[in-house]
C-alpha atoms as a PDB file:
ATOM      1  CA  MET A   1     -18.927 -47.644  25.779  1.00  0.00           C
ATOM      2  CA  LYS A   2     -18.131 -45.978  22.474  1.00  0.00           C
ATOM      3  CA  SER A   3     -16.607 -47.545  19.868  1.00  0.00           C
ATOM      4  CA  LEU A   4     -13.199 -46.492  18.412  1.00  0.00           C
ATOM      5  CA  PHE A   5     -15.575 -45.856  14.984  1.00  0.00           C
ATOM      6  CA  GLN A   6     -18.118 -43.333  17.136  1.00  0.00           C
ATOM      7  CA  ILE A   7     -15.047 -42.046  18.916  1.00  0.00           C
ATOM      8  CA  ILE A   8     -13.361 -40.806  15.737  1.00  0.00           C
ATOM      9  CA  ILE A   9     -16.606 -39.992  13.895  1.00  0.00           C
ATOM     10  CA  VAL A  10     -17.082 -37.105  17.206  1.00  0.00           C
ATOM     11  CA  VAL A  11     -13.920 -36.617  17.230  1.00  0.00           C
ATOM     12  CA  PHE A  12     -14.320 -35.651  13.071  1.00  0.00           C
ATOM     13  CA  LEU A  13     -17.248 -33.720  13.971  1.00  0.00           C
ATOM     14  CA  THR A  14     -15.701 -31.552  16.782  1.00  0.00           C
ATOM     15  CA  ILE A  15     -13.080 -30.047  14.338  1.00  0.00           C
ATOM     16  CA  PHE A  16     -15.052 -29.510  11.807  1.00  0.00           C
ATOM     17  CA  PHE A  17     -18.045 -27.292  13.658  1.00  0.00           C
ATOM     18  CA  LEU A  18     -14.595 -25.325  15.257  1.00  0.00           C
ATOM     19  CA  SER A  19     -13.455 -24.822  11.884  1.00  0.00           C
ATOM     20  CA  PHE A  20     -16.131 -22.381  11.180  1.00  0.00           C
ATOM     21  CA  ILE A  21     -16.643 -21.095  14.693  1.00  0.00           C
ATOM     22  CA  ALA A  22     -12.384 -20.198  15.754  1.00  0.00           C
ATOM     23  CA  PRO A  23     -11.291 -17.527  13.850  1.00  0.00           C
ATOM     24  CA  PRO A  24      -8.736 -18.753  11.093  1.00  0.00           C
ATOM     25  CA  LYS A  25      -4.264 -18.646  13.222  1.00  0.00           C
ATOM     26  CA  ASN A  26      -2.265 -15.784  11.491  1.00  0.00           C
ATOM     27  CA  VAL A  27      -4.233 -13.621  10.538  1.00  0.00           C
ATOM     28  CA  THR A  28      -2.857 -10.115   9.533  1.00  0.00           C
ATOM     29  CA  ILE A  29      -5.055  -6.668   9.631  1.00  0.00           C
ATOM     30  CA  TRP A  30      -3.868  -4.468   7.344  1.00  0.00           C
ATOM     31  CA  MET A  31      -4.302  -0.775   7.855  1.00  0.00           C
ATOM     32  CA  ILE A  32      -4.368   1.549   4.825  1.00  0.00           C
ATOM     33  CA  GLY A  33      -4.797   5.391   5.271  1.00  0.00           C
ATOM     34  CA  ASP A  34      -3.972   8.965   6.085  1.00  0.00           C
ATOM     35  CA  SER A  35      -2.404  10.778   9.648  1.00  0.00           C
ATOM     36  CA  THR A  36      -5.067  10.159  11.192  1.00  0.00           C
ATOM     37  CA  MET A  37      -4.552   6.387  11.143  1.00  0.00           C
ATOM     38  CA  ALA A  38      -0.928   6.700  10.994  1.00  0.00           C
ATOM     39  CA  SER A  39       2.088   5.557  12.982  1.00  0.00           C
ATOM     40  CA  LYS A  40       4.072   9.105  13.982  1.00  0.00           C
ATOM     41  CA  LYS A  41       7.729   9.915  14.123  1.00  0.00           C
ATOM     42  CA  PRO A  42       9.080  10.632  17.920  1.00  0.00           C
ATOM     43  CA  GLU A  43       9.482  14.155  17.250  1.00  0.00           C
ATOM     44  CA  ARG A  44       5.737  14.788  16.797  1.00  0.00           C
ATOM     45  CA  LYS A  45       5.187  13.452  20.133  1.00  0.00           C
ATOM     46  CA  PRO A  46       1.940  13.759  21.598  1.00  0.00           C
ATOM     47  CA  GLU A  47       0.253  13.465  17.895  1.00  0.00           C
ATOM     48  CA  SER A  48      -0.802   9.481  17.451  1.00  0.00           C
ATOM     49  CA  GLY A  49      -2.774   7.779  14.716  1.00  0.00           C
ATOM     50  CA  TRP A  50      -5.723   5.290  15.827  1.00  0.00           C
ATOM     51  CA  GLY A  51      -4.345   2.621  13.872  1.00  0.00           C
ATOM     52  CA  VAL A  52      -1.466   2.346  16.512  1.00  0.00           C
ATOM     53  CA  GLU A  53      -3.819   2.495  19.252  1.00  0.00           C
ATOM     54  CA  PHE A  54      -6.018  -0.168  17.651  1.00  0.00           C
ATOM     55  CA  ALA A  55      -3.486  -2.855  18.159  1.00  0.00           C
ATOM     56  CA  GLN A  56      -3.994  -3.035  21.785  1.00  0.00           C
ATOM     57  CA  PHE A  57      -7.789  -4.527  20.916  1.00  0.00           C
ATOM     58  CA  VAL A  58      -6.633  -7.680  18.690  1.00  0.00           C
ATOM     59  CA  LYS A  59      -6.164 -11.174  20.342  1.00  0.00           C
ATOM     60  CA  ASN A  60      -2.604 -12.789  20.766  1.00  0.00           C
ATOM     61  CA  GLY A  61      -1.814 -13.868  17.422  1.00  0.00           C
ATOM     62  CA  VAL A  62      -3.389 -11.453  15.142  1.00  0.00           C
ATOM     63  CA  VAL A  63      -1.080  -9.421  13.574  1.00  0.00           C
ATOM     64  CA  VAL A  64      -1.811  -5.144  12.755  1.00  0.00           C
ATOM     65  CA  LYS A  65       0.255  -4.037   9.965  1.00  0.00           C
ATOM     66  CA  ASN A  66      -0.605   0.014   9.991  1.00  0.00           C
ATOM     67  CA  LYS A  67       0.698   1.260   6.510  1.00  0.00           C
ATOM     68  CA  ALA A  68      -0.918   4.468   6.676  1.00  0.00           C
ATOM     69  CA  ALA A  69       1.079   7.377   5.786  1.00  0.00           C
ATOM     70  CA  SER A  70       0.328  11.090   6.796  1.00  0.00           C
ATOM     71  CA  GLY A  71      -0.184  13.154   4.111  1.00  0.00           C
ATOM     72  CA  ARG A  72      -1.333  10.639   1.421  1.00  0.00           C
ATOM     73  CA  SER A  73      -4.810  10.602  -0.288  1.00  0.00           C
ATOM     74  CA  THR A  74      -5.971   7.760  -2.307  1.00  0.00           C
ATOM     75  CA  LYS A  75      -3.742   8.967  -5.526  1.00  0.00           C
ATOM     76  CA  SER A  76      -0.648   9.295  -3.412  1.00  0.00           C
ATOM     77  CA  PHE A  77      -1.124   6.603  -1.744  1.00  0.00           C
ATOM     78  CA  ILE A  78      -1.400   4.603  -5.162  1.00  0.00           C
ATOM     79  CA  ALA A  79       1.218   6.579  -6.913  1.00  0.00           C
ATOM     80  CA  GLU A  80       4.040   5.783  -4.431  1.00  0.00           C
ATOM     81  CA  LYS A  81       3.179   2.318  -5.138  1.00  0.00           C
ATOM     82  CA  ARG A  82       2.487   2.124  -1.359  1.00  0.00           C
ATOM     83  CA  TRP A  83      -0.621  -0.150  -2.077  1.00  0.00           C
ATOM     84  CA  GLN A  84       1.177  -2.586  -4.579  1.00  0.00           C
ATOM     85  CA  ALA A  85       3.472  -3.191  -1.573  1.00  0.00           C
ATOM     86  CA  VAL A  86       0.243  -3.950   0.929  1.00  0.00           C
ATOM     87  CA  LEU A  87      -1.242  -5.980  -1.735  1.00  0.00           C
ATOM     88  CA  ASP A  88       1.988  -7.860  -2.541  1.00  0.00           C
ATOM     89  CA  SER A  89       1.752  -9.111   1.325  1.00  0.00           C
ATOM     90  CA  ILE A  90      -1.884  -9.799   1.504  1.00  0.00           C
ATOM     91  CA  LYS A  91      -2.661 -13.673   2.002  1.00  0.00           C
ATOM     92  CA  PRO A  92      -6.081 -15.268   2.217  1.00  0.00           C
ATOM     93  CA  GLY A  93      -8.130 -14.225   4.897  1.00  0.00           C
ATOM     94  CA  ASP A  94      -6.707 -11.155   5.961  1.00  0.00           C
ATOM     95  CA  PHE A  95      -8.498  -7.863   6.465  1.00  0.00           C
ATOM     96  CA  VAL A  96      -7.944  -4.672   5.052  1.00  0.00           C
ATOM     97  CA  ILE A  97      -8.907  -1.480   6.997  1.00  0.00           C
ATOM     98  CA  ILE A  98      -9.289   1.560   4.108  1.00  0.00           C
ATOM     99  CA  GLN A  99      -9.820   4.916   5.663  1.00  0.00           C
ATOM    100  CA  PHE A 100      -9.374   7.997   3.321  1.00  0.00           C
ATOM    101  CA  GLY A 101     -11.011  11.585   2.555  1.00  0.00           C
ATOM    102  CA  HIS A 102      -8.844  13.729   4.747  1.00  0.00           C
ATOM    103  CA  ASN A 103      -6.127  14.903   1.484  1.00  0.00           C
ATOM    104  CA  ASP A 104      -8.073  13.933  -1.403  1.00  0.00           C
ATOM    105  CA  GLY A 105      -9.687  17.065  -1.401  1.00  0.00           C
ATOM    106  CA  LYS A 106      -6.902  19.193  -1.013  1.00  0.00           C
ATOM    107  CA  PRO A 107      -5.786  21.313  -4.045  1.00  0.00           C
ATOM    108  CA  ASP A 108      -2.652  19.633  -4.512  1.00  0.00           C
ATOM    109  CA  SER A 109      -2.387  18.083  -7.822  1.00  0.00           C
ATOM    110  CA  LEU A 110      -0.473  15.245  -6.201  1.00  0.00           C
ATOM    111  CA  LEU A 111      -3.173  14.447  -3.948  1.00  0.00           C
ATOM    112  CA  HIS A 112      -6.182  15.398  -5.288  1.00  0.00           C
ATOM    113  CA  THR A 113      -8.793  13.302  -6.580  1.00  0.00           C
ATOM    114  CA  ASN A 114     -13.075  13.962  -7.586  1.00  0.00           C
ATOM    115  CA  ALA A 115     -15.260  12.675  -4.889  1.00  0.00           C
ATOM    116  CA  ASN A 116     -17.333  11.142  -7.550  1.00  0.00           C
ATOM    117  CA  THR A 117     -14.803   9.773  -9.919  1.00  0.00           C
ATOM    118  CA  THR A 118     -11.356   9.177  -8.893  1.00  0.00           C
ATOM    119  CA  PHE A 119     -11.892   8.936  -5.805  1.00  0.00           C
ATOM    120  CA  LYS A 120     -14.644   6.381  -6.112  1.00  0.00           C
ATOM    121  CA  GLN A 121     -12.713   4.596  -8.723  1.00  0.00           C
ATOM    122  CA  ASN A 122      -9.802   4.253  -6.065  1.00  0.00           C
ATOM    123  CA  LEU A 123     -11.798   2.898  -3.467  1.00  0.00           C
ATOM    124  CA  LYS A 124     -13.079   0.223  -5.446  1.00  0.00           C
ATOM    125  CA  LYS A 125      -9.338  -0.670  -6.917  1.00  0.00           C
ATOM    126  CA  PHE A 126      -8.544  -1.794  -3.242  1.00  0.00           C
ATOM    127  CA  ILE A 127     -11.389  -3.618  -2.754  1.00  0.00           C
ATOM    128  CA  GLU A 128     -11.523  -5.572  -5.947  1.00  0.00           C
ATOM    129  CA  GLU A 129      -7.601  -6.180  -5.587  1.00  0.00           C
ATOM    130  CA  THR A 130      -7.597  -7.200  -2.026  1.00  0.00           C
ATOM    131  CA  ARG A 131     -10.939  -9.491  -2.787  1.00  0.00           C
ATOM    132  CA  SER A 132      -8.600 -10.566  -5.482  1.00  0.00           C
ATOM    133  CA  LYS A 133      -6.212 -12.334  -3.164  1.00  0.00           C
ATOM    134  CA  GLY A 134      -8.629 -14.253  -0.940  1.00  0.00           C
ATOM    135  CA  ALA A 135      -8.814 -10.952   1.494  1.00  0.00           C
ATOM    136  CA  ASN A 136     -11.677  -9.003   3.274  1.00  0.00           C
ATOM    137  CA  PRO A 137     -11.666  -5.681   2.326  1.00  0.00           C
ATOM    138  CA  MET A 138     -13.340  -2.542   5.078  1.00  0.00           C
ATOM    139  CA  LEU A 139     -14.051   0.863   5.170  1.00  0.00           C
ATOM    140  CA  CYS A 140     -14.340   3.792   6.981  1.00  0.00           C
ATOM    141  CA  THR A 141     -14.941   7.134   6.701  1.00  0.00           C
ATOM    142  CA  PRO A 142     -12.327   9.715   7.443  1.00  0.00           C
ATOM    143  CA  VAL A 143     -12.782  10.802  11.196  1.00  0.00           C
ATOM    144  CA  VAL A 144     -14.277  13.935  12.193  1.00  0.00           C
ATOM    145  CA  ARG A 145     -11.994  17.681  12.304  1.00  0.00           C
ATOM    146  CA  ARG A 146     -12.970  19.005  15.498  1.00  0.00           C
ATOM    147  CA  HIS A 147     -14.294  22.740  13.554  1.00  0.00           C
ATOM    148  CA  PHE A 148     -16.989  23.982  15.210  1.00  0.00           C
ATOM    149  CA  ASP A 149     -18.807  27.085  14.219  1.00  0.00           C
ATOM    150  CA  GLY A 150     -19.492  29.651  16.615  1.00  0.00           C
ATOM    151  CA  ASN A 151     -22.733  28.360  17.929  1.00  0.00           C
ATOM    152  CA  GLY A 152     -20.866  25.028  18.935  1.00  0.00           C
ATOM    153  CA  ASN A 153     -21.961  23.353  15.929  1.00  0.00           C
ATOM    154  CA  LEU A 154     -19.122  20.808  14.548  1.00  0.00           C
ATOM    155  CA  LEU A 155     -19.012  21.340  10.907  1.00  0.00           C
ATOM    156  CA  ASP A 156     -18.531  18.972   7.757  1.00  0.00           C
ATOM    157  CA  THR A 157     -15.145  19.459   6.570  1.00  0.00           C
ATOM    158  CA  HIS A 158     -15.481  16.241   4.172  1.00  0.00           C
ATOM    159  CA  GLY A 159     -18.444  16.608   2.020  1.00  0.00           C
ATOM    160  CA  ASP A 160     -19.041  14.330  -0.735  1.00  0.00           C
ATOM    161  CA  TYR A 161     -16.398  12.066  -0.150  1.00  0.00           C
ATOM    162  CA  LEU A 162     -18.073  10.653   2.886  1.00  0.00           C
ATOM    163  CA  LYS A 163     -21.165  10.304   0.695  1.00  0.00           C
ATOM    164  CA  VAL A 164     -18.995   8.464  -1.948  1.00  0.00           C
ATOM    165  CA  VAL A 165     -17.344   6.093   1.192  1.00  0.00           C
ATOM    166  CA  ARG A 166     -20.901   5.002   2.070  1.00  0.00           C
ATOM    167  CA  THR A 167     -21.988   4.507  -1.178  1.00  0.00           C
ATOM    168  CA  VAL A 168     -19.181   2.603  -2.375  1.00  0.00           C
ATOM    169  CA  ALA A 169     -19.299   0.288   0.733  1.00  0.00           C
ATOM    170  CA  ARG A 170     -23.497  -0.414  -0.452  1.00  0.00           C
ATOM    171  CA  GLU A 171     -22.558  -1.018  -4.211  1.00  0.00           C
ATOM    172  CA  THR A 172     -19.453  -3.423  -3.491  1.00  0.00           C
ATOM    173  CA  LYS A 173     -21.638  -5.246   0.007  1.00  0.00           C
ATOM    174  CA  THR A 174     -18.158  -3.913   1.586  1.00  0.00           C
ATOM    175  CA  PRO A 175     -18.298  -4.009   5.566  1.00  0.00           C
ATOM    176  CA  LEU A 176     -18.376   0.110   6.781  1.00  0.00           C
ATOM    177  CA  VAL A 177     -17.677   1.591  10.201  1.00  0.00           C
ATOM    178  CA  ASP A 178     -18.788   4.456   9.510  1.00  0.00           C
ATOM    179  CA  MET A 179     -16.153   6.824  11.627  1.00  0.00           C
ATOM    180  CA  GLU A 180     -17.271  10.383  10.864  1.00  0.00           C
ATOM    181  CA  ALA A 181     -20.041   9.776  12.193  1.00  0.00           C
ATOM    182  CA  LEU A 182     -19.030   7.832  15.442  1.00  0.00           C
ATOM    183  CA  THR A 183     -16.274  10.627  16.027  1.00  0.00           C
ATOM    184  CA  ARG A 184     -18.379  13.352  15.123  1.00  0.00           C
ATOM    185  CA  LYS A 185     -20.719  12.219  18.133  1.00  0.00           C
ATOM    186  CA  LEU A 186     -17.751  11.711  20.789  1.00  0.00           C
ATOM    187  CA  VAL A 187     -16.761  15.302  19.838  1.00  0.00           C
ATOM    188  CA  THR A 188     -20.017  16.834  19.904  1.00  0.00           C
ATOM    189  CA  ASP A 189     -21.115  15.047  23.251  1.00  0.00           C
ATOM    190  CA  LEU A 190     -17.868  16.385  24.857  1.00  0.00           C
ATOM    191  CA  GLY A 191     -18.406  19.466  23.746  1.00  0.00           C
ATOM    192  CA  THR A 192     -15.894  22.676  21.957  1.00  0.00           C
ATOM    193  CA  GLU A 193     -13.780  22.357  25.637  1.00  0.00           C
ATOM    194  CA  LYS A 194     -13.243  18.886  26.810  1.00  0.00           C
ATOM    195  CA  SER A 195     -13.116  17.473  22.701  1.00  0.00           C
ATOM    196  CA  LYS A 196      -9.302  19.236  23.221  1.00  0.00           C
ATOM    197  CA  ASP A 197      -8.453  16.691  24.928  1.00  0.00           C
ATOM    198  CA  LEU A 198      -8.984  14.480  21.705  1.00  0.00           C
ATOM    199  CA  PHE A 199      -6.178  16.540  19.810  1.00  0.00           C
ATOM    200  CA  THR A 200      -2.840  17.354  19.875  1.00  0.00           C
ATOM    201  CA  MET A 201      -1.459  20.822  21.305  1.00  0.00           C
ATOM    202  CA  ARG A 202       1.116  21.878  19.459  1.00  0.00           C
ATOM    203  CA  LYS A 203       3.573  25.823  20.381  1.00  0.00           C
ATOM    204  CA  ASN A 204       1.170  27.332  18.222  1.00  0.00           C
ATOM    205  CA  GLY A 205      -2.207  26.061  19.462  1.00  0.00           C
ATOM    206  CA  LEU A 206      -4.877  22.866  19.121  1.00  0.00           C
ATOM    207  CA  ASP A 207      -4.133  20.620  16.125  1.00  0.00           C
ATOM    208  CA  SER A 208      -7.623  20.027  15.253  1.00  0.00           C
ATOM    209  CA  THR A 209      -7.230  17.231  12.948  1.00  0.00           C
ATOM    210  CA  HIS A 210      -4.638  14.761  14.513  1.00  0.00           C
ATOM    211  CA  LEU A 211      -5.503  12.959  17.539  1.00  0.00           C
ATOM    212  CA  CYS A 212      -2.940  12.822  20.769  1.00  0.00           C
ATOM    213  CA  HIS A 213      -2.695   9.198  22.056  1.00  0.00           C
ATOM    214  CA  ALA A 214      -5.550   9.200  24.204  1.00  0.00           C
ATOM    215  CA  GLY A 215      -7.384  10.909  21.285  1.00  0.00           C
ATOM    216  CA  ALA A 216      -6.045   7.409  19.136  1.00  0.00           C
ATOM    217  CA  LEU A 217      -7.228   5.478  21.691  1.00  0.00           C
ATOM    218  CA  GLN A 218     -10.553   6.248  22.615  1.00  0.00           C
ATOM    219  CA  VAL A 219     -10.986   6.633  18.744  1.00  0.00           C
ATOM    220  CA  ALA A 220     -10.039   3.389  18.234  1.00  0.00           C
ATOM    221  CA  GLU A 221     -12.102   1.637  20.816  1.00  0.00           C
ATOM    222  CA  LEU A 222     -15.112   3.377  18.653  1.00  0.00           C
ATOM    223  CA  PHE A 223     -13.900   1.144  15.559  1.00  0.00           C
ATOM    224  CA  VAL A 224     -13.732  -2.133  17.878  1.00  0.00           C
ATOM    225  CA  LYS A 225     -16.925  -1.781  19.138  1.00  0.00           C
ATOM    226  CA  ASN A 226     -19.068  -0.484  16.352  1.00  0.00           C
ATOM    227  CA  ALA A 227     -17.299  -3.389  14.413  1.00  0.00           C
ATOM    228  CA  LYS A 228     -18.273  -5.879  17.240  1.00  0.00           C
ATOM    229  CA  LYS A 229     -21.904  -4.173  17.438  1.00  0.00           C
ATOM    230  CA  GLN A 230     -22.079  -5.229  13.625  1.00  0.00           C
ATOM    231  CA  HIS A 231     -20.987  -8.791  14.536  1.00  0.00           C
ATOM    232  CA  LEU A 232     -18.543  -7.969  11.548  1.00  0.00           C
ATOM    233  CA  LYS A 233     -16.055 -10.933  10.702  1.00  0.00           C
ATOM    234  CA  ILE A 234     -13.121  -8.721  11.550  1.00  0.00           C
ATOM    235  CA  ALA A 235     -14.739  -8.520  15.296  1.00  0.00           C
ATOM    236  CA  LEU A 236     -13.989 -12.278  16.025  1.00  0.00           C
ATOM    237  CA  HIS A 237     -10.239 -11.271  16.342  1.00  0.00           C
ATOM    238  CA  PHE A 238     -10.831  -9.039  18.993  1.00  0.00           C
ATOM    239  CA  LYS A 239     -10.067  -9.149  22.544  1.00  0.00           C
END
């Protein structure tokens, strides 16, 4: 029969080891990015962002706060104090998923960033400031646009912005889920016709940038599966 002392030791060691295995409670997953991730106003149905559908994949008790906003670049997200609002609320152990690139390349002076200078600096700002709060930054490349050429080949519409996200992930040792590569394969495998089902149909035709609910769900699932495949820390919080 075990002594009281032995029982206490066993309980202590069990709690100690579980603290390394079990994910901490009350974790918040923050999401910052553009319209391909953001929640939408009712009048924009059936358009959706993959950050909306992503909430279906997390365990009970994990909070998803999708702060992505349509039409924003890294520059405008910072200038409008959206990032500061998120930063002020982040707590140790939280996660911040960062996905920009769709709008940084636009000529609008309120949005435009140079891929190799300002865009890169802004990504590093998000990462460094997230870590300063004891939280975990994650990078995503932007979701692919459904733009095919005349031969059925999917075009690259993000250029250097893709390369920079991958470079920043490597330089800062930040986990990366390559959403462009994942969604490129998805859209390519579906082909020019069936891939239309991922995107939003409007009165004036197909919107080949913005996802519908079904498409956003598939894209969110790609993120979750890839995070699990890479054994990323955030995957502990997925069902």
